[in-house]
Amino acid sequence: MLTSKIKLVLITLIFLAPFMAKAQSMANIGVGAEIGLPSGNFAGISGIGVGASIKADLPVSENLALTLNAGYMNFFGKRNQVFNVQDLTYAPVKAGLKYILSDSFYAEGQLGAALPLNNGQKVLFVWSPGIGNQFKLAGENRLDLGIRYEGWTGKNESNLIGLNSSNTKGFVGLRFAYVFGL
């Protein structure tokens, strides 16, 4: 039921976008702090993730920009008397498209890879749809507040013979960034 509501919102945004569109005329770079709130099965092994990222927006048309994003993300493993889950530390690298819906509101989608920074982890495929708003500050600088769902998908980490299923670590990501206009 939730996925049909998300699809309806996305379809509505796509049809309304041409009427709400405004120009983005310059490239920019943003440096931000990130919070990851695990969902689904991932919430069973981690309660929260924190990190940092740098993201560049390169305009390709009046309302469309290419995004390049690299960062660091650490999900703290849950610990108690029964089990001790190792922290999951990755360097996500993504590229995507950002569509400017109004002077400050945008929707974007990104694809990439999560590169493991601790032993025993595998490179994961990353996909991430999101929305955000940029608030004007002094000069061409802005404050960027974004929210996204991010999925990290890869082979199941089980060593059982014959098990060839995928495993997705999903989370809601919040990004607070200072954007420098170039």
Protein backbone atom coordinates (compact mmCIF):
# COMPACT_ATOMS: atom_id res chain seq x y z
CA MET A 1 0.00 0.00 0.00
CA LEU A 2 2.82 2.41 0.85
CA THR A 3 4.54 1.82 -2.50
CA SER A 4 1.37 2.76 -4.43
CA LYS A 5 1.21 6.05 -2.52
CA ILE A 6 4.86 6.76 -3.32
CA LYS A 7 4.23 5.98 -7.00
CA LEU A 8 1.25 8.34 -7.04
CA VAL A 9 3.30 11.18 -5.52
CA LEU A 10 6.16 10.63 -8.00
CA ILE A 11 3.80 10.53 -11.00
CA THR A 12 2.11 13.71 -9.80
CA LEU A 13 5.48 15.44 -9.41
CA ILE A 14 6.53 14.38 -12.90
CA PHE A 15 3.37 15.82 -14.47
CA LEU A 16 3.46 19.04 -12.45
CA ALA A 17 7.19 19.62 -12.89
CA PRO A 18 7.03 21.52 -16.21
CA PHE A 19 4.60 24.02 -14.70
CA MET A 20 6.70 24.62 -11.58
CA ALA A 21 10.15 24.61 -13.20
CA LYS A 22 12.67 27.40 -12.74
CA ALA A 23 16.22 27.80 -13.99
CA GLN A 24 19.46 26.66 -12.39
CA SER A 25 22.21 28.45 -14.22
CA MET A 26 25.39 27.69 -12.33
CA ALA A 27 27.39 24.80 -10.97
CA ASN A 28 27.75 24.37 -7.22
CA ILE A 29 29.43 22.19 -4.62
CA GLY A 30 27.93 21.26 -1.28
CA VAL A 31 29.56 19.81 1.82
CA GLY A 32 27.20 18.11 4.21
CA ALA A 33 26.52 15.96 7.23
CA GLU A 34 24.39 12.85 6.82
CA ILE A 35 22.19 10.76 9.08
CA GLY A 36 20.96 7.29 8.07
CA LEU A 37 17.92 5.71 9.70
CA PRO A 38 17.91 1.97 8.83
CA SER A 39 14.65 0.35 7.75
CA GLY A 40 13.40 -3.21 7.33
CA ASN A 41 15.84 -6.01 8.19
CA PHE A 42 18.71 -3.51 8.29
CA ALA A 43 17.16 -1.93 11.41
CA GLY A 44 17.78 -5.23 13.21
CA ILE A 45 21.57 -4.87 12.95
CA SER A 46 21.99 -1.08 13.11
CA GLY A 47 20.08 1.69 14.84
CA ILE A 48 21.65 4.72 13.15
CA GLY A 49 24.31 5.77 10.70
CA VAL A 50 26.27 9.01 10.46
CA GLY A 51 28.54 10.37 7.80
CA ALA A 52 29.63 13.22 5.58
CA SER A 53 29.52 13.88 1.85
CA ILE A 54 30.52 16.26 -0.89
CA LYS A 55 28.18 16.74 -3.85
CA ALA A 56 28.58 18.68 -7.09
CA ASP A 57 25.69 19.85 -9.28
CA LEU A 58 26.59 20.47 -12.92
CA PRO A 59 23.75 22.04 -14.98
CA VAL A 60 23.00 20.34 -18.30
CA SER A 61 19.85 22.31 -19.16
CA GLU A 62 17.63 24.97 -17.65
CA ASN A 63 16.03 22.68 -15.07
CA LEU A 64 18.27 19.63 -15.05
CA ALA A 65 21.65 19.01 -13.43
CA LEU A 66 24.07 16.10 -13.32
CA THR A 67 25.00 15.23 -9.73
CA LEU A 68 28.25 13.68 -8.51
CA ASN A 69 28.38 12.59 -4.88
CA ALA A 70 31.07 10.96 -2.71
CA GLY A 71 31.07 10.42 1.01
CA TYR A 72 31.66 8.38 4.13
CA MET A 73 28.95 6.52 6.04
CA ASN A 74 29.23 4.48 9.25
CA PHE A 75 26.30 2.42 10.52
CA PHE A 76 26.80 1.50 14.16
CA GLY A 77 26.23 -2.21 14.82
CA LYS A 78 23.81 -3.15 17.57
CA ARG A 79 25.34 -4.62 20.70
CA ASN A 80 23.86 -6.39 23.70
CA GLN A 81 24.48 -9.50 25.85
CA VAL A 82 23.47 -11.86 23.02
CA PHE A 83 25.23 -10.46 19.96
CA ASN A 84 27.79 -7.88 18.90
CA VAL A 85 27.33 -6.64 15.31
CA GLN A 86 30.35 -5.03 13.66
CA ASP A 87 29.96 -1.42 12.45
CA LEU A 88 29.36 -1.18 8.69
CA THR A 89 31.58 1.51 7.18
CA TYR A 90 31.32 2.42 3.49
CA ALA A 91 32.34 5.14 1.03
CA PRO A 92 29.30 5.63 -1.23
CA VAL A 93 30.07 7.08 -4.69
CA LYS A 94 27.03 8.09 -6.77
CA ALA A 95 26.03 9.97 -9.91
CA GLY A 96 22.56 11.01 -10.95
CA LEU A 97 20.15 13.61 -12.19
CA LYS A 98 18.52 16.46 -10.28
CA TYR A 99 15.37 18.09 -11.63
CA ILE A 100 14.67 21.61 -10.37
CA LEU A 101 10.95 21.88 -9.61
CA SER A 102 10.93 25.51 -8.36
CA ASP A 103 13.36 28.17 -7.17
CA SER A 104 14.41 25.98 -4.27
CA PHE A 105 12.66 22.58 -4.42
CA TYR A 106 14.12 19.62 -6.34
CA ALA A 107 13.76 15.89 -6.97
CA GLU A 108 16.71 13.65 -7.78
CA GLY A 109 17.76 10.10 -8.41
CA GLN A 110 21.25 8.63 -8.07
CA LEU A 111 23.00 5.33 -8.83
CA GLY A 112 26.44 4.17 -7.76
CA ALA A 113 28.46 1.90 -5.50
CA ALA A 114 29.10 1.62 -1.76
CA LEU A 115 32.77 0.78 -1.32
CA PRO A 116 33.55 -1.14 1.91
CA LEU A 117 36.03 0.43 4.34
CA ASN A 118 36.16 -2.43 6.84
CA ASN A 119 37.19 -6.06 6.36
CA GLY A 120 34.75 -8.74 5.32
CA GLN A 121 32.31 -6.49 3.47
CA LYS A 122 31.49 -6.45 -0.26
CA VAL A 123 31.00 -3.66 -2.79
CA LEU A 124 27.27 -2.91 -3.00
CA PHE A 125 25.10 -1.38 -5.74
CA VAL A 126 23.48 1.91 -4.58
CA TRP A 127 20.20 3.41 -5.75
CA SER A 128 18.66 6.50 -4.23
CA PRO A 129 15.57 8.63 -5.04
CA GLY A 130 15.06 11.80 -3.01
CA ILE A 131 13.75 15.33 -2.69
CA GLY A 132 15.14 18.46 -1.11
CA ASN A 133 14.96 22.19 -0.65
CA GLN A 134 17.68 24.81 -0.83
CA PHE A 135 17.43 28.00 1.22
CA LYS A 136 19.26 31.10 -0.02
CA LEU A 137 22.03 32.52 2.16
CA ALA A 138 24.49 35.35 1.55
CA GLY A 139 25.60 35.73 -2.08
CA GLU A 140 25.13 32.57 -4.16
CA ASN A 141 25.50 30.23 -1.16
CA ARG A 142 22.61 28.08 0.08
CA LEU A 143 21.61 25.64 2.81
CA ASP A 144 20.48 22.31 1.32
CA LEU A 145 18.13 20.05 3.30
CA GLY A 146 17.39 16.74 1.61
CA ILE A 147 15.66 13.47 2.38
CA ARG A 148 16.00 10.26 0.40
CA TYR A 149 15.49 6.55 0.53
CA GLU A 150 18.73 4.73 -0.20
CA GLY A 151 19.17 1.05 -0.92
CA TRP A 152 22.51 -0.80 -0.93
CA THR A 153 22.07 -4.11 -2.75
CA GLY A 154 24.53 -6.99 -3.10
CA LYS A 155 24.94 -10.73 -2.78
CA ASN A 156 23.79 -12.28 0.46
CA GLU A 157 26.64 -12.41 2.98
CA SER A 158 25.82 -15.99 4.02
CA ASN A 159 28.38 -18.72 3.36
CA LEU A 160 25.73 -21.40 2.74
CA ILE A 161 26.37 -23.36 -0.45
CA GLY A 162 23.76 -22.75 -3.12
CA LEU A 163 22.40 -19.57 -1.58
CA ASN A 164 22.49 -16.92 -4.31
CA SER A 165 19.99 -14.35 -3.08
CA SER A 166 20.49 -10.63 -2.82
CA ASN A 167 20.55 -8.59 0.35
CA THR A 168 19.47 -4.93 0.54
CA LYS A 169 20.42 -2.56 3.31
CA GLY A 170 17.82 0.19 3.12
CA PHE A 171 17.66 3.44 5.03
CA VAL A 172 16.14 6.89 5.06
CA GLY A 173 18.90 9.43 4.62
CA LEU A 174 18.84 13.02 5.84
CA ARG A 175 21.43 15.45 4.46
CA PHE A 176 22.23 18.91 5.82
CA ALA A 177 24.68 20.71 3.51
CA TYR A 178 26.26 24.10 2.93
CA VAL A 179 26.27 24.78 -0.82
CA PHE A 180 28.87 27.06 -2.41
CA GLY A 181 27.79 28.69 -5.68
CA LEU A 182 30.59 28.63 -8.28
